[in-house]
Amino acid sequence: MIKGAVGDSRTAVSAPAVALIVICQSMQGFSLGGIALFLPLIRDDIGLTFAEAGTLGAVSLLVFAAMQVPAGYLADRFGPKRLFLLGLLGLNLCSLAFAQLHSFEALLVNQALSGLARSFVFAPGLLLITHEFPAERRATALGLYVAGGFSSNVLLSLVGPVLVGVVGWRWIFVGFSVLGLAVTLLYWRVGSPGPAGQRDSYVRLRELPRLLAHPVMWVAGGVQFVRYSVVNGVGFWLPSYLVADKGFSLHTAGLLLGAAAVVTAPSNFLGGHVSDRLQRPALVIGVSLAVLTVTLLVLASARSTPVVVGVVLLQAVFLQFYFGPLFEIPTRVLGDRTAGLTSGWSNLWANVGGLTFAFGLGQAKDVTGSFAVGLYAMVGLCLLGLVGAYALSVLLARSREQEQAQAPQFAAASAERGL
């Protein structure tokens, strides 16, 4: 949990409470993963171009991104559980409605509403899960949270291609939507209450300009742009890339994506754990981006099926390995009471990147007939991200030096007050 944000000093972790939060969060993985996995079938069924399919992903991310800072601020101000439940309800209702629609325009509205609902799940959920962990395990908590979405993709990628031939993609959407509503009800009834709203210590509106102008917010936001550009670009278009450019069948692509999700899910947790143990989050970020640079280069040019499979699996380890450390650094620098705000700001820029590449890769495919241009663009982004990782290490070091310099002054002031 975020100690300064909620005024708690939790030292033990409640496994049932954490598990329920992760399961709830995983419901959004079904919706996003289902659209990506079944996109070739959805396109054929409804008659979408690649550009229109990319627009569906883009509009959801546009609304989701625009709501990140408001959602983070509201979670800090009023407590995250209510927002979390509202978001889960709306998200699963949108997924249920998605299965009933037959036009591009209706799907576009549906995905805009889905993005709004998801915005109330992400930042509030981060506060809920960090509340269940001691402060020194914050990156571990953040990594575990996002692992839930990838865990649901494992299940979907493994059973989806089998079920889709029997019941069709629409009934699969109905099934996981009903499951999501049941899990939401369970969390409402028995879930941990989480941190309460902060009446005195939350960030005031007049403080926002100063906080948003801090260098760590912009550098972290830039690296977040890189992170989710790659995650969403690969996640949304990889099934289509494997089928259209590499000659995979949908069933084979689904099996590979399932295996990749199996690898990615624990890597979220592992990356946070490594960062907490080493206390060097910027190093974890830099190593991850270096590996992604190489794997994207190889994926763009690979012709051999075993090479493609190996690169996809290696890439899956590092796509989200640095999620927890990257979200943690702004809170370390600016203080725990800014946790919701910094998470929302970081995810705003992450989703601007995801929006750009969900739309841009589809456009590039339509124009060039290949996804290679988009892959090389992501290579360039990763190189810029490496520069950002170094800048974050410098900002974090300066913050630690300032804390050490202020510690004697604080101790002296406390002694004078008789504390």
Protein backbone atom coordinates (compact mmCIF):
# COMPACT_ATOMS: atom_id res chain seq x y z
CA MET A 1 0.00 0.00 0.00
CA ILE A 2 0.98 3.63 -0.29
CA LYS A 3 1.71 4.61 3.26
CA GLY A 4 1.61 8.35 2.97
CA ALA A 5 -1.46 8.22 0.82
CA VAL A 6 -3.72 6.35 3.14
CA GLY A 7 -2.19 6.75 6.54
CA ASP A 8 -1.64 3.06 7.15
CA SER A 9 1.46 1.02 7.97
CA ARG A 10 0.46 -2.41 6.75
CA THR A 11 3.16 -5.05 7.14
CA ALA A 12 1.29 -8.26 6.23
CA VAL A 13 -0.27 -9.10 2.88
CA SER A 14 -3.82 -10.49 2.69
CA ALA A 15 -3.64 -13.06 -0.09
CA PRO A 16 -7.46 -13.38 -0.56
CA ALA A 17 -7.89 -9.61 -0.81
CA VAL A 18 -5.05 -9.30 -3.31
CA ALA A 19 -6.30 -12.24 -5.37
CA LEU A 20 -9.80 -10.78 -5.65
CA ILE A 21 -8.48 -7.39 -6.83
CA VAL A 22 -6.28 -9.08 -9.44
CA ILE A 23 -9.17 -11.25 -10.68
CA CYS A 24 -11.42 -8.20 -10.98
CA GLN A 25 -8.74 -6.32 -12.91
CA SER A 26 -8.29 -9.29 -15.22
CA MET A 27 -11.81 -8.83 -16.56
CA GLN A 28 -10.65 -5.96 -18.77
CA GLY A 29 -8.07 -8.32 -20.24
CA PHE A 30 -10.89 -10.46 -21.64
CA SER A 31 -12.43 -7.50 -23.46
CA LEU A 32 -9.23 -6.09 -24.95
CA GLY A 33 -7.71 -9.49 -25.65
CA GLY A 34 -10.92 -10.78 -27.22
CA ILE A 35 -11.06 -7.94 -29.74
CA ALA A 36 -7.40 -8.41 -30.67
CA LEU A 37 -7.56 -12.21 -30.93
CA PHE A 38 -10.78 -12.36 -32.92
CA LEU A 39 -10.13 -9.22 -34.97
CA PRO A 40 -9.76 -11.15 -38.26
CA LEU A 41 -13.19 -12.72 -37.67
CA ILE A 42 -14.76 -9.46 -36.48
CA ARG A 43 -13.42 -7.67 -39.56
CA ASP A 44 -14.86 -10.28 -41.91
CA ASP A 45 -18.20 -10.47 -40.06
CA ILE A 46 -18.85 -6.74 -39.98
CA GLY A 47 -16.83 -5.72 -43.04
CA LEU A 48 -14.19 -3.50 -41.44
CA THR A 49 -11.03 -2.23 -43.11
CA PHE A 50 -7.72 -2.41 -41.25
CA ALA A 51 -7.98 1.34 -40.63
CA GLU A 52 -11.49 1.01 -39.16
CA ALA A 53 -10.36 -1.86 -36.95
CA GLY A 54 -7.48 0.28 -35.71
CA THR A 55 -9.91 3.12 -35.03
CA LEU A 56 -11.90 0.88 -32.67
CA GLY A 57 -8.82 0.38 -30.54
CA ALA A 58 -7.87 4.03 -30.85
CA VAL A 59 -11.18 5.52 -29.67
CA SER A 60 -11.24 3.31 -26.58
CA LEU A 61 -7.73 4.37 -25.68
CA LEU A 62 -8.47 8.03 -26.43
CA VAL A 63 -11.29 8.18 -23.89
CA PHE A 64 -9.36 5.99 -21.44
CA ALA A 65 -6.31 8.24 -21.68
CA ALA A 66 -8.30 11.48 -21.33
CA MET A 67 -9.85 10.23 -18.08
CA GLN A 68 -6.66 9.05 -16.37
CA VAL A 69 -5.80 12.22 -14.44
CA PRO A 70 -9.43 12.84 -13.36
CA ALA A 71 -9.79 9.20 -12.29
CA GLY A 72 -6.54 9.30 -10.31
CA TYR A 73 -7.50 12.57 -8.63
CA LEU A 74 -10.98 11.28 -7.71
CA ALA A 75 -9.48 8.07 -6.32
CA ASP A 76 -7.12 10.12 -4.08
CA ARG A 77 -9.95 12.41 -3.01
CA PHE A 78 -12.87 10.06 -2.41
CA GLY A 79 -11.32 6.59 -2.14
CA PRO A 80 -10.86 4.09 -4.97
CA LYS A 81 -13.32 1.26 -4.25
CA ARG A 82 -16.48 3.01 -5.51
CA LEU A 83 -14.79 4.06 -8.74
CA PHE A 84 -13.37 0.56 -9.18
CA LEU A 85 -16.80 -1.07 -8.88
CA LEU A 86 -18.42 1.49 -11.19
CA GLY A 87 -15.74 0.89 -13.80
CA LEU A 88 -16.04 -2.90 -13.62
CA LEU A 89 -19.81 -2.73 -14.01
CA GLY A 90 -19.62 -0.43 -17.02
CA LEU A 91 -16.80 -2.39 -18.65
CA ASN A 92 -18.59 -5.72 -18.53
CA LEU A 93 -21.88 -4.23 -19.73
CA CYS A 94 -20.04 -2.72 -22.72
CA SER A 95 -18.46 -6.10 -23.52
CA LEU A 96 -21.88 -7.73 -23.33
CA ALA A 97 -23.29 -5.11 -25.72
CA PHE A 98 -20.32 -5.51 -28.10
CA ALA A 99 -21.54 -9.01 -28.93
CA GLN A 100 -24.90 -7.66 -30.12
CA LEU A 101 -23.67 -4.97 -32.52
CA HIS A 102 -23.36 -5.19 -36.32
CA SER A 103 -22.06 -1.83 -37.57
CA PHE A 104 -18.80 0.08 -37.35
CA GLU A 105 -20.55 3.17 -35.95
CA ALA A 106 -22.22 1.25 -33.12
CA LEU A 107 -18.97 -0.53 -32.25
CA LEU A 108 -17.19 2.84 -32.18
CA VAL A 109 -19.63 4.25 -29.61
CA ASN A 110 -19.40 1.04 -27.60
CA GLN A 111 -15.62 1.21 -27.44
CA ALA A 112 -15.68 4.87 -26.41
CA LEU A 113 -17.91 3.96 -23.45
CA SER A 114 -15.71 0.97 -22.69
CA GLY A 115 -12.69 3.28 -22.49
CA LEU A 116 -14.55 5.49 -20.01
CA ALA A 117 -15.40 2.50 -17.83
CA ARG A 118 -11.84 1.15 -17.94
CA SER A 119 -10.49 4.49 -16.72
CA PHE A 120 -12.30 3.92 -13.42
CA VAL A 121 -10.69 0.49 -13.06
CA PHE A 122 -7.01 1.20 -13.63
CA ALA A 123 -5.77 3.98 -11.29
CA PRO A 124 -8.24 3.13 -8.48
CA GLY A 125 -7.18 -0.50 -8.76
CA LEU A 126 -3.52 0.47 -8.35
CA LEU A 127 -4.38 2.21 -5.08
CA LEU A 128 -6.43 -0.75 -3.90
CA ILE A 129 -3.66 -3.29 -4.44
CA THR A 130 -0.80 -1.14 -3.10
CA HIS A 131 -2.93 -0.66 0.03
CA GLU A 132 -2.58 -4.39 0.66
CA PHE A 133 1.27 -4.34 0.60
CA PRO A 134 3.95 -2.71 2.77
CA ALA A 135 5.55 0.39 1.24
CA GLU A 136 8.86 -1.31 0.45
CA ARG A 137 7.04 -3.80 -1.81
CA ARG A 138 5.18 -1.20 -3.86
CA ALA A 139 6.70 -2.14 -7.24
CA THR A 140 5.85 -5.81 -6.57
CA ALA A 141 2.23 -4.86 -5.91
CA LEU A 142 2.02 -2.79 -9.08
CA GLY A 143 3.51 -5.57 -11.19
CA LEU A 144 1.15 -8.13 -9.69
CA TYR A 145 -1.84 -5.93 -10.49
CA VAL A 146 -1.17 -5.73 -14.21
CA ALA A 147 -0.35 -9.44 -14.32
CA GLY A 148 -4.07 -10.11 -13.88
CA GLY A 149 -4.90 -8.80 -17.34
CA PHE A 150 -2.29 -11.01 -18.95
CA SER A 151 -3.47 -14.03 -16.96
CA SER A 152 -6.93 -13.68 -18.45
CA ASN A 153 -5.35 -13.45 -21.90
CA VAL A 154 -3.67 -16.79 -21.27
CA LEU A 155 -7.05 -18.43 -20.75
CA LEU A 156 -8.64 -16.60 -23.67
CA SER A 157 -5.82 -17.36 -26.11
CA LEU A 158 -5.83 -21.04 -25.20
CA VAL A 159 -9.56 -21.75 -25.25
CA GLY A 160 -10.79 -18.96 -27.54
CA PRO A 161 -9.60 -20.42 -30.86
CA VAL A 162 -11.15 -23.77 -29.89
CA LEU A 163 -14.50 -22.34 -28.78
CA VAL A 164 -14.86 -19.82 -31.59
CA GLY A 165 -15.38 -22.58 -34.15
CA VAL A 166 -18.21 -24.00 -32.01
CA VAL A 167 -20.09 -20.98 -30.65
CA GLY A 168 -18.68 -18.01 -32.60
CA TRP A 169 -16.89 -14.92 -31.29
CA ARG A 170 -20.09 -13.19 -30.17
CA TRP A 171 -21.05 -15.88 -27.65
CA ILE A 172 -17.51 -15.87 -26.28
CA PHE A 173 -17.93 -12.15 -25.52
CA VAL A 174 -21.25 -12.89 -23.80
CA GLY A 175 -19.63 -15.60 -21.68
CA PHE A 176 -16.74 -13.58 -20.31
CA SER A 177 -19.01 -10.54 -19.77
CA VAL A 178 -21.36 -12.55 -17.57
CA LEU A 179 -18.36 -13.96 -15.71
CA GLY A 180 -17.06 -10.43 -15.19
CA LEU A 181 -20.37 -9.23 -13.77
CA ALA A 182 -20.39 -12.15 -11.32
CA VAL A 183 -16.85 -11.30 -10.14
CA THR A 184 -17.83 -7.63 -9.74
CA LEU A 185 -20.74 -8.64 -7.54
CA LEU A 186 -18.43 -10.81 -5.45
CA TYR A 187 -15.99 -7.93 -4.92
CA TRP A 188 -18.83 -5.59 -3.95
CA ARG A 189 -20.00 -8.06 -1.32
CA VAL A 190 -16.75 -9.34 0.22
CA GLY A 191 -13.86 -7.29 -1.22
CA SER A 192 -11.47 -5.27 0.92
CA PRO A 193 -12.71 -1.70 1.54
CA GLY A 194 -9.31 -0.32 0.50
CA PRO A 195 -8.01 3.11 1.47
CA ALA A 196 -10.52 5.79 2.40
CA GLY A 197 -10.64 9.18 0.73
CA GLN A 198 -8.06 11.65 2.07
CA ARG A 199 -9.78 14.63 3.63
CA ASP A 200 -6.64 16.53 4.54
CA SER A 201 -3.65 15.16 2.64
CA TYR A 202 -4.89 14.78 -0.94
CA VAL A 203 -3.42 16.99 -3.66
CA ARG A 204 -5.31 20.28 -4.02
CA LEU A 205 -6.24 21.60 -7.45
CA ARG A 206 -4.02 24.64 -6.94
CA GLU A 207 -1.03 22.30 -6.53
CA LEU A 208 -1.54 20.59 -9.88
CA PRO A 209 0.41 23.07 -12.06
CA ARG A 210 3.50 22.76 -9.85
CA LEU A 211 3.34 18.97 -9.70
CA LEU A 212 2.64 18.54 -13.40
CA ALA A 213 5.59 20.80 -14.23
CA HIS A 214 8.05 18.60 -12.33
CA PRO A 215 10.62 16.97 -14.64
CA VAL A 216 9.94 13.47 -13.30
CA MET A 217 6.33 13.68 -14.49
CA TRP A 218 7.36 14.51 -18.05
CA VAL A 219 10.24 12.05 -18.28
CA ALA A 220 8.16 9.25 -16.78
CA GLY A 221 5.30 10.22 -19.08
CA GLY A 222 7.63 9.98 -22.09
CA VAL A 223 8.83 6.51 -21.12
CA GLN A 224 5.23 5.48 -20.46
CA PHE A 225 4.40 6.64 -24.00
CA VAL A 226 7.10 4.28 -25.25
CA ARG A 227 6.02 1.41 -23.00
CA TYR A 228 2.40 1.24 -24.03
CA SER A 229 3.06 2.11 -27.67
CA VAL A 230 4.99 -1.15 -27.83
CA VAL A 231 2.63 -3.13 -25.58
CA ASN A 232 -0.51 -2.07 -27.40
CA GLY A 233 1.02 -2.07 -30.85
CA VAL A 234 2.23 -5.63 -30.36
CA GLY A 235 -0.81 -6.79 -28.40
CA PHE A 236 -3.47 -5.38 -30.72
CA TRP A 237 -1.87 -6.22 -34.07
CA LEU A 238 0.34 -9.26 -33.42
CA PRO A 239 -2.42 -11.80 -34.23
CA SER A 240 -3.11 -10.04 -37.54
CA TYR A 241 0.63 -9.69 -38.22
CA LEU A 242 1.24 -13.39 -37.69
CA VAL A 243 -1.69 -14.35 -39.91
CA ALA A 244 -1.28 -11.76 -42.69
CA ASP A 245 2.50 -11.33 -42.89
CA LYS A 246 3.92 -14.57 -41.49
CA GLY A 247 1.38 -17.09 -42.78
CA PHE A 248 0.23 -18.45 -39.40
CA SER A 249 -3.24 -19.94 -39.03
CA LEU A 250 -5.53 -18.27 -36.48
CA HIS A 251 -5.33 -21.39 -34.31
CA THR A 252 -1.51 -21.42 -34.36
CA ALA A 253 -1.35 -17.68 -33.71
CA GLY A 254 -3.72 -18.14 -30.77
CA LEU A 255 -1.53 -20.86 -29.27
CA LEU A 256 1.57 -18.67 -29.62
CA LEU A 257 -0.21 -15.69 -28.06
CA GLY A 258 -1.39 -17.88 -25.22
CA ALA A 259 2.16 -19.06 -24.59
CA ALA A 260 3.38 -15.45 -24.73
CA ALA A 261 0.73 -14.40 -22.22
CA VAL A 262 1.83 -17.26 -19.92
CA VAL A 263 5.32 -15.76 -20.01
CA THR A 264 4.21 -12.13 -19.66
CA ALA A 265 1.90 -12.60 -16.68
CA PRO A 266 4.57 -13.63 -14.12
CA SER A 267 7.11 -11.21 -15.62
CA ASN A 268 5.00 -8.28 -14.37
CA PHE A 269 5.34 -9.54 -10.82
CA LEU A 270 8.96 -10.60 -11.26
CA GLY A 271 10.00 -7.19 -12.60
CA GLY A 272 8.51 -5.44 -9.59
CA HIS A 273 10.12 -7.95 -7.23
CA VAL A 274 13.55 -7.48 -8.81
CA SER A 275 13.16 -3.70 -8.60
CA ASP A 276 12.18 -3.88 -4.92
CA ARG A 277 15.11 -6.17 -4.10
CA LEU A 278 17.72 -4.13 -5.98
CA GLN A 279 16.15 -0.74 -5.23
CA ARG A 280 17.20 0.30 -8.75
CA PRO A 281 13.99 0.74 -10.75
CA ALA A 282 15.66 2.75 -13.54
CA LEU A 283 18.06 -0.13 -14.24
CA VAL A 284 15.14 -2.56 -14.64
CA ILE A 285 13.51 -0.11 -17.06
CA GLY A 286 16.69 0.29 -19.13
CA VAL A 287 17.40 -3.41 -19.45
CA SER A 288 13.82 -4.11 -20.51
CA LEU A 289 13.88 -1.44 -23.22
CA ALA A 290 17.23 -2.69 -24.55
CA VAL A 291 15.85 -6.21 -24.99
CA LEU A 292 12.68 -4.91 -26.65
CA THR A 293 14.77 -2.91 -29.13
CA VAL A 294 16.56 -6.05 -30.28
CA THR A 295 13.48 -8.29 -30.41
CA LEU A 296 11.47 -5.79 -32.46
CA LEU A 297 14.30 -5.53 -34.99
CA VAL A 298 14.46 -9.32 -35.34
CA LEU A 299 10.66 -9.72 -35.50
CA ALA A 300 10.45 -7.24 -38.41
CA SER A 301 12.94 -9.18 -40.54
CA ALA A 302 12.55 -12.80 -39.41
CA ARG A 303 11.51 -15.33 -42.03
CA SER A 304 11.89 -18.57 -40.07
CA THR A 305 8.88 -19.72 -38.05
CA PRO A 306 11.02 -20.98 -35.11
CA VAL A 307 12.79 -17.60 -34.98
CA VAL A 308 9.45 -15.75 -34.95
CA VAL A 309 8.17 -18.00 -32.16
CA GLY A 310 11.35 -17.56 -30.08
CA VAL A 311 11.40 -13.78 -30.51
CA VAL A 312 7.72 -13.42 -29.61
CA LEU A 313 8.26 -15.42 -26.39
CA LEU A 314 11.43 -13.53 -25.41
CA GLN A 315 9.74 -10.22 -26.13
CA ALA A 316 6.80 -11.26 -23.97
CA VAL A 317 9.09 -11.47 -20.92
CA PHE A 318 10.09 -7.81 -21.16
CA LEU A 319 6.98 -6.10 -22.54
CA GLN A 320 5.69 -5.40 -19.03
CA PHE A 321 8.71 -6.38 -16.91
CA TYR A 322 9.28 -2.73 -16.03
CA PHE A 323 5.63 -1.76 -15.39
CA GLY A 324 5.90 -1.58 -11.59
CA PRO A 325 9.25 0.27 -11.43
CA LEU A 326 8.09 2.85 -13.99
CA PHE A 327 4.88 3.64 -12.13
CA GLU A 328 6.71 3.73 -8.81
CA ILE A 329 9.39 6.34 -9.61
CA PRO A 330 7.17 9.47 -9.76
CA THR A 331 5.60 8.54 -6.43
CA ARG A 332 9.04 8.06 -4.89
CA VAL A 333 10.10 11.52 -6.04
CA LEU A 334 6.89 13.48 -5.36
CA GLY A 335 5.55 11.67 -2.29
CA ASP A 336 2.95 9.07 -1.45
CA ARG A 337 -0.01 11.44 -1.30
CA THR A 338 0.34 11.97 -5.07
CA ALA A 339 -0.01 8.25 -5.87
CA GLY A 340 -3.36 8.45 -7.64
CA LEU A 341 -2.42 11.60 -9.54
CA THR A 342 0.98 10.33 -10.67
CA SER A 343 -0.50 6.97 -11.70
CA GLY A 344 -3.20 8.72 -13.70
CA TRP A 345 -0.70 11.09 -15.35
CA SER A 346 1.64 8.22 -16.23
CA ASN A 347 -1.15 6.16 -17.69
CA LEU A 348 -2.45 9.16 -19.63
CA TRP A 349 0.79 9.31 -21.63
CA ALA A 350 1.00 5.53 -21.84
CA ASN A 351 -2.35 5.43 -23.54
CA VAL A 352 -1.60 8.35 -25.82
CA GLY A 353 1.21 6.14 -27.08
CA GLY A 354 -1.06 3.11 -27.26
CA LEU A 355 -3.65 5.17 -29.11
CA THR A 356 -1.08 6.37 -31.64
CA PHE A 357 0.16 2.91 -32.50
CA ALA A 358 -3.19 1.11 -32.42
CA PHE A 359 -4.34 3.54 -35.10
CA GLY A 360 -1.00 4.10 -36.84
CA LEU A 361 -0.10 0.47 -37.43
CA GLY A 362 -3.44 -0.14 -39.12
CA GLN A 363 -2.93 2.88 -41.36
CA ALA A 364 0.63 1.79 -42.19
CA LYS A 365 -0.58 -1.71 -43.08
CA ASP A 366 -3.22 -0.32 -45.44
CA VAL A 367 -0.72 2.00 -47.16
CA THR A 368 2.38 -0.22 -47.36
CA GLY A 369 0.86 -3.70 -47.23
CA SER A 370 3.19 -4.64 -44.35
CA PHE A 371 3.55 -4.11 -40.60
CA ALA A 372 7.35 -3.70 -40.90
CA VAL A 373 7.23 0.13 -40.94
CA GLY A 374 5.35 0.14 -37.64
CA LEU A 375 7.79 -2.30 -36.07
CA TYR A 376 10.78 -0.14 -37.04
CA ALA A 377 9.00 2.91 -35.61
CA MET A 378 8.69 1.07 -32.29
CA VAL A 379 12.43 0.32 -32.40
CA GLY A 380 13.06 4.07 -32.58
CA LEU A 381 10.74 4.64 -29.64
CA CYS A 382 12.60 2.09 -27.51
CA LEU A 383 15.88 3.88 -28.18
CA LEU A 384 14.32 7.14 -26.98
CA GLY A 385 13.00 5.24 -23.96
CA LEU A 386 16.55 4.24 -23.04
CA VAL A 387 17.46 7.93 -22.86
CA GLY A 388 14.43 8.47 -20.63
CA ALA A 389 15.46 5.60 -18.35
CA TYR A 390 18.82 7.27 -17.78
CA ALA A 391 17.12 10.60 -17.03
CA LEU A 392 14.86 8.89 -14.49
CA SER A 393 17.90 7.42 -12.72
CA VAL A 394 19.37 10.93 -12.43
CA LEU A 395 16.11 12.42 -11.08
CA LEU A 396 15.73 9.59 -8.58
CA ALA A 397 19.31 10.04 -7.36
CA ARG A 398 18.73 13.77 -6.88
CA SER A 399 15.56 13.07 -4.92
CA ARG A 400 17.44 10.70 -2.58
CA GLU A 401 20.18 13.30 -2.06
CA GLN A 402 17.56 15.91 -1.15
CA GLU A 403 15.91 13.53 1.32
CA GLN A 404 19.24 12.79 2.97
CA ALA A 405 20.07 16.51 3.17
CA GLN A 406 16.70 17.34 4.71
CA ALA A 407 16.72 14.48 7.23
CA PRO A 408 19.00 16.20 9.82
CA GLN A 409 16.97 19.40 9.53
CA PHE A 410 13.74 17.50 10.12
CA ALA A 411 15.23 15.67 13.11
CA ALA A 412 16.42 18.97 14.63
CA ALA A 413 13.03 20.61 14.12
CA SER A 414 11.28 17.62 15.68
CA ALA A 415 13.60 17.80 18.72
CA GLU A 416 12.83 21.47 19.20
CA ARG A 417 9.12 20.69 19.24
CA GLY A 418 9.72 17.94 21.79
CA LEU A 419 8.86 15.12 19.36
